[in-house]
PDB file of N, CA and C in Angstrom:
ATOM      1  N   MET A   1      29.071  -8.755  -2.825  1.00  0.00           N
ATOM      2  CA  MET A   1      28.472  -8.529  -4.041  1.00  0.00           C
ATOM      3  C   MET A   1      28.693  -7.258  -4.460  1.00  0.00           C
ATOM      4  N   SER A   2      29.054  -6.900  -5.580  1.00  0.00           N
ATOM      5  CA  SER A   2      29.295  -5.599  -6.109  1.00  0.00           C
ATOM      6  C   SER A   2      27.995  -4.872  -6.602  1.00  0.00           C
ATOM      7  N   ASP A   3      27.166  -5.468  -7.188  1.00  0.00           N
ATOM      8  CA  ASP A   3      25.854  -4.860  -7.536  1.00  0.00           C
ATOM      9  C   ASP A   3      24.814  -4.925  -6.322  1.00  0.00           C
ATOM     10  N   GLN A   4      24.357  -3.958  -5.948  1.00  0.00           N
ATOM     11  CA  GLN A   4      23.348  -3.926  -4.795  1.00  0.00           C
ATOM     12  C   GLN A   4      22.005  -4.084  -5.413  1.00  0.00           C
ATOM     13  N   ILE A   5      21.438  -5.234  -4.826  1.00  0.00           N
ATOM     14  CA  ILE A   5      19.921  -5.546  -5.285  1.00  0.00           C
ATOM     15  C   ILE A   5      19.034  -4.778  -4.419  1.00  0.00           C
ATOM     16  N   GLN A   6      17.950  -4.099  -4.939  1.00  0.00           N
ATOM     17  CA  GLN A   6      17.085  -3.407  -4.175  1.00  0.00           C
ATOM     18  C   GLN A   6      15.872  -4.393  -3.714  1.00  0.00           C
ATOM     19  N   LEU A   7      15.953  -5.010  -2.664  1.00  0.00           N
ATOM     20  CA  LEU A   7      15.179  -5.977  -2.241  1.00  0.00           C
ATOM     21  C   LEU A   7      13.665  -5.657  -2.088  1.00  0.00           C
ATOM     22  N   ILE A   8      13.350  -4.368  -1.961  1.00  0.00           N
ATOM     23  CA  ILE A   8      11.979  -3.868  -1.904  1.00  0.00           C
ATOM     24  C   ILE A   8      11.984  -2.773  -2.943  1.00  0.00           C
ATOM     25  N   PRO A   9      11.448  -3.233  -4.144  1.00  0.00           N
ATOM     26  CA  PRO A   9      11.503  -2.347  -5.361  1.00  0.00           C
ATOM     27  C   PRO A   9      10.672  -1.034  -4.990  1.00  0.00           C
ATOM     28  N   GLY A  10      11.352   0.060  -5.166  1.00  0.00           N
ATOM     29  CA  GLY A  10      10.832   1.271  -4.993  1.00  0.00           C
ATOM     30  C   GLY A  10      10.902   1.743  -3.588  1.00  0.00           C
ATOM     31  N   ASN A  11      11.514   0.837  -2.772  1.00  0.00           N
ATOM     32  CA  ASN A  11      11.598   1.114  -1.229  1.00  0.00           C
ATOM     33  C   ASN A  11      10.235   1.221  -0.624  1.00  0.00           C
ATOM     34  N   SER A  12       9.190   0.643  -1.085  1.00  0.00           N
ATOM     35  CA  SER A  12       7.820   0.757  -0.531  1.00  0.00           C
ATOM     36  C   SER A  12       7.105  -0.473  -0.680  1.00  0.00           C
ATOM     37  N   LEU A  13       6.298  -0.878   0.215  1.00  0.00           N
ATOM     38  CA  LEU A  13       5.372  -1.959   0.200  1.00  0.00           C
ATOM     39  C   LEU A  13       3.989  -1.672  -0.149  1.00  0.00           C
ATOM     40  N   ILE A  14       3.796  -0.347  -0.360  1.00  0.00           N
ATOM     41  CA  ILE A  14       2.494   0.042  -0.770  1.00  0.00           C
ATOM     42  C   ILE A  14       2.119  -0.135  -2.135  1.00  0.00           C
ATOM     43  N   THR A  15       0.892  -0.675  -2.313  1.00  0.00           N
ATOM     44  CA  THR A  15       0.273  -0.916  -3.776  1.00  0.00           C
ATOM     45  C   THR A  15      -0.979  -0.472  -3.807  1.00  0.00           C
ATOM     46  N   LYS A  16      -1.463  -0.258  -5.035  1.00  0.00           N
ATOM     47  CA  LYS A  16      -2.906   0.413  -5.131  1.00  0.00           C
ATOM     48  C   LYS A  16      -3.946  -0.661  -5.036  1.00  0.00           C
ATOM     49  N   THR A  17      -3.580  -1.960  -5.383  1.00  0.00           N
ATOM     50  CA  THR A  17      -4.562  -3.100  -5.392  1.00  0.00           C
ATOM     51  C   THR A  17      -3.886  -4.390  -4.989  1.00  0.00           C
ATOM     52  N   PRO A  18      -4.817  -5.410  -4.346  1.00  0.00           N
ATOM     53  CA  PRO A  18      -4.238  -6.697  -4.207  1.00  0.00           C
ATOM     54  C   PRO A  18      -3.451  -7.248  -5.281  1.00  0.00           C
ATOM     55  N   GLU A  19      -3.836  -6.990  -6.456  1.00  0.00           N
ATOM     56  CA  GLU A  19      -3.199  -7.663  -7.715  1.00  0.00           C
ATOM     57  C   GLU A  19      -1.880  -7.036  -7.727  1.00  0.00           C
ATOM     58  N   GLU A  20      -1.583  -5.857  -7.575  1.00  0.00           N
ATOM     59  CA  GLU A  20      -0.182  -5.142  -7.619  1.00  0.00           C
ATOM     60  C   GLU A  20       0.539  -5.790  -6.366  1.00  0.00           C
ATOM     61  N   GLY A  21      -0.132  -5.994  -5.213  1.00  0.00           N
ATOM     62  CA  GLY A  21       0.557  -6.497  -4.112  1.00  0.00           C
ATOM     63  C   GLY A  21       1.106  -7.974  -4.406  1.00  0.00           C
ATOM     64  N   ARG A  22       0.216  -8.561  -5.020  1.00  0.00           N
ATOM     65  CA  ARG A  22       0.647 -10.006  -5.345  1.00  0.00           C
ATOM     66  C   ARG A  22       1.926 -10.046  -6.466  1.00  0.00           C
ATOM     67  N   GLN A  23       1.851  -9.193  -7.346  1.00  0.00           N
ATOM     68  CA  GLN A  23       2.993  -9.071  -8.211  1.00  0.00           C
ATOM     69  C   GLN A  23       4.288  -8.694  -7.616  1.00  0.00           C
ATOM     70  N   LEU A  24       4.111  -7.599  -6.624  1.00  0.00           N
ATOM     71  CA  LEU A  24       5.315  -7.332  -5.871  1.00  0.00           C
ATOM     72  C   LEU A  24       5.799  -8.400  -5.036  1.00  0.00           C
ATOM     73  N   ALA A  25       4.906  -9.173  -4.414  1.00  0.00           N
ATOM     74  CA  ALA A  25       5.341 -10.252  -3.750  1.00  0.00           C
ATOM     75  C   ALA A  25       6.186 -11.400  -4.596  1.00  0.00           C
ATOM     76  N   VAL A  26       5.633 -11.585  -5.720  1.00  0.00           N
ATOM     77  CA  VAL A  26       6.437 -12.553  -6.561  1.00  0.00           C
ATOM     78  C   VAL A  26       7.814 -11.994  -7.068  1.00  0.00           C
ATOM     79  N   LYS A  27       7.825 -10.645  -7.242  1.00  0.00           N
ATOM     80  CA  LYS A  27       9.067  -9.916  -7.541  1.00  0.00           C
ATOM     81  C   LYS A  27      10.082 -10.033  -6.414  1.00  0.00           C
ATOM     82  N   MET A  28       9.537  -9.760  -5.180  1.00  0.00           N
ATOM     83  CA  MET A  28      10.281  -9.887  -4.061  1.00  0.00           C
ATOM     84  C   MET A  28      10.958 -11.200  -3.787  1.00  0.00           C
ATOM     85  N   ALA A  29       9.900 -12.218  -3.992  1.00  0.00           N
ATOM     86  CA  ALA A  29      10.508 -13.672  -3.900  1.00  0.00           C
ATOM     87  C   ALA A  29      11.767 -13.933  -4.851  1.00  0.00           C
ATOM     88  N   ARG A  30      11.561 -13.538  -5.968  1.00  0.00           N
ATOM     89  CA  ARG A  30      12.517 -13.688  -7.127  1.00  0.00           C
ATOM     90  C   ARG A  30      13.880 -13.069  -6.732  1.00  0.00           C
ATOM     91  N   LEU A  31      13.785 -11.743  -6.163  1.00  0.00           N
ATOM     92  CA  LEU A  31      15.044 -11.018  -5.770  1.00  0.00           C
ATOM     93  C   LEU A  31      15.775 -11.761  -4.629  1.00  0.00           C
ATOM     94  N   ILE A  32      14.946 -12.533  -3.746  1.00  0.00           N
ATOM     95  CA  ILE A  32      15.469 -13.356  -2.642  1.00  0.00           C
ATOM     96  C   ILE A  32      16.445 -14.462  -3.205  1.00  0.00           C
ATOM     97  N   ILE A  33      15.985 -15.028  -4.266  1.00  0.00           N
ATOM     98  CA  ILE A  33      16.718 -16.027  -4.932  1.00  0.00           C
ATOM     99  C   ILE A  33      17.993 -15.468  -5.566  1.00  0.00           C
ATOM    100  N   LYS A  34      17.745 -14.213  -6.235  1.00  0.00           N
ATOM    101  CA  LYS A  34      18.982 -13.661  -6.914  1.00  0.00           C
ATOM    102  C   LYS A  34      19.889 -13.332  -5.753  1.00  0.00           C
ATOM    103  N   THR A  35      19.458 -12.732  -4.584  1.00  0.00           N
ATOM    104  CA  THR A  35      20.404 -12.391  -3.805  1.00  0.00           C
ATOM    105  C   THR A  35      21.302 -13.675  -3.072  1.00  0.00           C
ATOM    106  N   THR A  36      20.347 -14.651  -2.905  1.00  0.00           N
ATOM    107  CA  THR A  36      20.945 -15.808  -2.270  1.00  0.00           C
ATOM    108  C   THR A  36      21.847 -16.500  -3.181  1.00  0.00           C
ATOM    109  N   GLN A  37      21.598 -16.621  -4.324  1.00  0.00           N
ATOM    110  CA  GLN A  37      22.577 -17.206  -5.534  1.00  0.00           C
ATOM    111  C   GLN A  37      22.636 -16.183  -6.537  1.00  0.00           C
ATOM    112  N   PRO A  38      23.834 -15.196  -6.418  1.00  0.00           N
ATOM    113  CA  PRO A  38      23.897 -14.138  -7.324  1.00  0.00           C
ATOM    114  C   PRO A  38      24.498 -14.685  -8.744  1.00  0.00           C
ATOM    115  N   ASP A  39      24.918 -15.846  -8.815  1.00  0.00           N
ATOM    116  CA  ASP A  39      25.597 -16.354 -10.067  1.00  0.00           C
ATOM    117  C   ASP A  39      24.359 -16.776 -11.006  1.00  0.00           C
ATOM    118  N   ALA A  40      24.143 -15.964 -12.099  1.00  0.00           N
ATOM    119  CA  ALA A  40      23.086 -16.330 -13.139  1.00  0.00           C
ATOM    120  C   ALA A  40      23.199 -17.685 -13.688  1.00  0.00           C
ATOM    121  N   SER A  41      24.475 -18.154 -13.943  1.00  0.00           N
ATOM    122  CA  SER A  41      24.648 -19.337 -14.668  1.00  0.00           C
ATOM    123  C   SER A  41      24.295 -20.414 -13.581  1.00  0.00           C
ATOM    124  N   VAL A  42      24.430 -20.420 -12.291  1.00  0.00           N
ATOM    125  CA  VAL A  42      24.173 -21.421 -11.362  1.00  0.00           C
ATOM    126  C   VAL A  42      22.520 -21.541 -11.332  1.00  0.00           C
ATOM    127  N   ARG A  43      21.995 -20.213 -11.375  1.00  0.00           N
ATOM    128  CA  ARG A  43      20.553 -20.412 -11.190  1.00  0.00           C
ATOM    129  C   ARG A  43      19.918 -20.950 -12.336  1.00  0.00           C
ATOM    130  N   GLU A  44      20.556 -20.802 -13.490  1.00  0.00           N
ATOM    131  CA  GLU A  44      19.942 -21.253 -14.847  1.00  0.00           C
ATOM    132  C   GLU A  44      20.161 -22.935 -14.716  1.00  0.00           C
ATOM    133  N   LYS A  45      21.284 -23.184 -14.116  1.00  0.00           N
ATOM    134  CA  LYS A  45      21.551 -24.761 -14.183  1.00  0.00           C
ATOM    135  C   LYS A  45      20.574 -25.378 -13.122  1.00  0.00           C
ATOM    136  N   LEU A  46      20.205 -24.710 -12.062  1.00  0.00           N
ATOM    137  CA  LEU A  46      19.421 -25.307 -11.027  1.00  0.00           C
ATOM    138  C   LEU A  46      17.821 -25.304 -11.407  1.00  0.00           C
ATOM    139  N   ARG A  47      17.422 -24.432 -12.323  1.00  0.00           N
ATOM    140  CA  ARG A  47      16.098 -24.222 -12.596  1.00  0.00           C
ATOM    141  C   ARG A  47      15.500 -25.532 -12.961  1.00  0.00           C
ATOM    142  N   PRO A  48      15.966 -26.322 -13.910  1.00  0.00           N
ATOM    143  CA  PRO A  48      15.284 -27.424 -14.394  1.00  0.00           C
ATOM    144  C   PRO A  48      15.146 -28.517 -13.100  1.00  0.00           C
ATOM    145  N   ILE A  49      15.888 -28.379 -12.094  1.00  0.00           N
ATOM    146  CA  ILE A  49      15.932 -29.404 -11.001  1.00  0.00           C
ATOM    147  C   ILE A  49      14.677 -29.040 -10.151  1.00  0.00           C
ATOM    148  N   TYR A  50      14.627 -27.737  -9.834  1.00  0.00           N
ATOM    149  CA  TYR A  50      13.556 -27.325  -8.990  1.00  0.00           C
ATOM    150  C   TYR A  50      12.121 -27.374  -9.753  1.00  0.00           C
ATOM    151  N   ALA A  51      12.229 -27.196 -11.040  1.00  0.00           N
ATOM    152  CA  ALA A  51      10.968 -27.026 -11.824  1.00  0.00           C
ATOM    153  C   ALA A  51      10.134 -28.408 -11.853  1.00  0.00           C
ATOM    154  N   GLU A  52      10.881 -29.435 -11.438  1.00  0.00           N
ATOM    155  CA  GLU A  52      10.208 -30.884 -11.397  1.00  0.00           C
ATOM    156  C   GLU A  52      10.211 -31.461 -10.105  1.00  0.00           C
ATOM    157  N   ASP A  53      10.501 -30.595  -9.086  1.00  0.00           N
ATOM    158  CA  ASP A  53      10.434 -31.011  -7.716  1.00  0.00           C
ATOM    159  C   ASP A  53       9.330 -30.181  -7.033  1.00  0.00           C
ATOM    160  N   ALA A  54       8.101 -31.165  -6.723  1.00  0.00           N
ATOM    161  CA  ALA A  54       6.998 -30.570  -6.011  1.00  0.00           C
ATOM    162  C   ALA A  54       7.335 -29.969  -4.830  1.00  0.00           C
ATOM    163  N   ALA A  55       8.053 -30.379  -4.052  1.00  0.00           N
ATOM    164  CA  ALA A  55       8.439 -29.931  -2.621  1.00  0.00           C
ATOM    165  C   ALA A  55       9.097 -28.361  -2.812  1.00  0.00           C
ATOM    166  N   MET A  56       9.894 -28.380  -3.826  1.00  0.00           N
ATOM    167  CA  MET A  56      10.576 -27.175  -3.896  1.00  0.00           C
ATOM    168  C   MET A  56       9.593 -26.025  -4.576  1.00  0.00           C
ATOM    169  N   LEU A  57       8.658 -26.485  -5.391  1.00  0.00           N
ATOM    170  CA  LEU A  57       7.740 -25.521  -5.921  1.00  0.00           C
ATOM    171  C   LEU A  57       6.732 -25.085  -4.823  1.00  0.00           C
ATOM    172  N   ILE A  58       6.411 -26.025  -4.014  1.00  0.00           N
ATOM    173  CA  ILE A  58       5.528 -25.556  -2.870  1.00  0.00           C
ATOM    174  C   ILE A  58       6.323 -24.606  -2.001  1.00  0.00           C
ATOM    175  N   ALA A  59       7.467 -24.912  -1.604  1.00  0.00           N
ATOM    176  CA  ALA A  59       8.382 -23.915  -0.884  1.00  0.00           C
ATOM    177  C   ALA A  59       8.477 -22.464  -1.449  1.00  0.00           C
ATOM    178  N   ILE A  60       8.442 -22.435  -2.828  1.00  0.00           N
ATOM    179  CA  ILE A  60       8.429 -21.092  -3.492  1.00  0.00           C
ATOM    180  C   ILE A  60       7.195 -20.384  -3.381  1.00  0.00           C
ATOM    181  N   GLY A  61       6.136 -21.165  -3.486  1.00  0.00           N
ATOM    182  CA  GLY A  61       4.844 -20.755  -3.358  1.00  0.00           C
ATOM    183  C   GLY A  61       4.615 -20.211  -1.863  1.00  0.00           C
ATOM    184  N   GLN A  62       5.295 -21.020  -0.745  1.00  0.00           N
ATOM    185  CA  GLN A  62       5.186 -20.458   0.591  1.00  0.00           C
ATOM    186  C   GLN A  62       5.815 -19.137   0.632  1.00  0.00           C
ATOM    187  N   THR A  63       6.999 -18.979   0.005  1.00  0.00           N
ATOM    188  CA  THR A  63       7.847 -17.687   0.032  1.00  0.00           C
ATOM    189  C   THR A  63       6.992 -16.601  -0.518  1.00  0.00           C
ATOM    190  N   VAL A  64       6.429 -16.731  -1.558  1.00  0.00           N
ATOM    191  CA  VAL A  64       5.560 -15.793  -2.189  1.00  0.00           C
ATOM    192  C   VAL A  64       4.421 -15.352  -1.329  1.00  0.00           C
ATOM    193  N   ALA A  65       3.761 -16.400  -0.585  1.00  0.00           N
ATOM    194  CA  ALA A  65       2.701 -16.105   0.400  1.00  0.00           C
ATOM    195  C   ALA A  65       3.019 -15.226   1.478  1.00  0.00           C
ATOM    196  N   THR A  66       4.292 -15.583   2.137  1.00  0.00           N
ATOM    197  CA  THR A  66       4.677 -14.821   3.155  1.00  0.00           C
ATOM    198  C   THR A  66       5.045 -13.322   2.713  1.00  0.00           C
ATOM    199  N   GLU A  67       5.669 -13.136   1.526  1.00  0.00           N
ATOM    200  CA  GLU A  67       5.922 -11.732   1.168  1.00  0.00           C
ATOM    201  C   GLU A  67       4.480 -11.039   0.967  1.00  0.00           C
ATOM    202  N   PHE A  68       3.479 -11.832   0.409  1.00  0.00           N
ATOM    203  CA  PHE A  68       2.176 -11.252   0.049  1.00  0.00           C
ATOM    204  C   PHE A  68       1.547 -10.829   1.500  1.00  0.00           C
ATOM    205  N   ALA A  69       1.697 -11.649   2.473  1.00  0.00           N
ATOM    206  CA  ALA A  69       0.963 -11.443   3.774  1.00  0.00           C
ATOM    207  C   ALA A  69       1.646 -10.016   4.248  1.00  0.00           C
ATOM    208  N   THR A  70       2.736  -9.911   4.074  1.00  0.00           N
ATOM    209  CA  THR A  70       3.670  -8.775   4.652  1.00  0.00           C
ATOM    210  C   THR A  70       2.993  -7.471   3.915  1.00  0.00           C
ATOM    211  N   ILE A  71       3.016  -7.547   2.627  1.00  0.00           N
ATOM    212  CA  ILE A  71       2.627  -6.518   1.914  1.00  0.00           C
ATOM    213  C   ILE A  71       1.144  -6.075   2.163  1.00  0.00           C
ATOM    214  N   ALA A  72       0.252  -7.151   2.299  1.00  0.00           N
ATOM    215  CA  ALA A  72      -1.068  -6.986   2.589  1.00  0.00           C
ATOM    216  C   ALA A  72      -1.288  -6.158   4.058  1.00  0.00           C
ATOM    217  N   ALA A  73      -0.593  -6.620   4.900  1.00  0.00           N
ATOM    218  CA  ALA A  73      -0.496  -5.968   6.120  1.00  0.00           C
ATOM    219  C   ALA A  73      -0.123  -4.494   6.067  1.00  0.00           C
ATOM    220  N   ALA A  74       0.960  -4.167   5.313  1.00  0.00           N
ATOM    221  CA  ALA A  74       1.502  -2.956   5.001  1.00  0.00           C
ATOM    222  C   ALA A  74       0.360  -2.065   4.475  1.00  0.00           C
ATOM    223  N   ASN A  75      -0.507  -2.460   3.643  1.00  0.00           N
ATOM    224  CA  ASN A  75      -1.607  -1.897   2.880  1.00  0.00           C
ATOM    225  C   ASN A  75      -2.914  -1.901   3.606  1.00  0.00           C
ATOM    226  N   ASN A  76      -2.892  -2.307   4.949  1.00  0.00           N
ATOM    227  CA  ASN A  76      -4.042  -2.380   5.774  1.00  0.00           C
ATOM    228  C   ASN A  76      -5.038  -3.166   5.035  1.00  0.00           C
ATOM    229  N   TYR A  77      -4.624  -4.280   4.414  1.00  0.00           N
ATOM    230  CA  TYR A  77      -5.387  -5.226   3.757  1.00  0.00           C
ATOM    231  C   TYR A  77      -6.483  -4.583   2.680  1.00  0.00           C
ATOM    232  N   TRP A  78      -5.968  -3.387   2.201  1.00  0.00           N
ATOM    233  CA  TRP A  78      -6.600  -2.652   1.069  1.00  0.00           C
ATOM    234  C   TRP A  78      -8.113  -2.210   1.384  1.00  0.00           C
ATOM    235  N   ARG A  79      -8.219  -1.885   2.798  1.00  0.00           N
ATOM    236  CA  ARG A  79      -9.567  -1.455   3.271  1.00  0.00           C
ATOM    237  C   ARG A  79      -9.431   0.063   3.533  1.00  0.00           C
TER     238      ARG A  79
END
């Protein structure tokens, strides 16, 4: 891949609030998809398929949850 994708935006998991942490988790999950399938036209073609597949949508949710758990731990759970 010629374009390097920064998988941790800003090279930090530290966020001010849990809401910012959740937004970062979503962004990181999206970057994983982009890295896994770098061809934008293929991602566009696949989007309608997973948009109507409950199992795939649950898997996406699990990916975001895993990213959020990592971010929450890095932020000492905002305590």
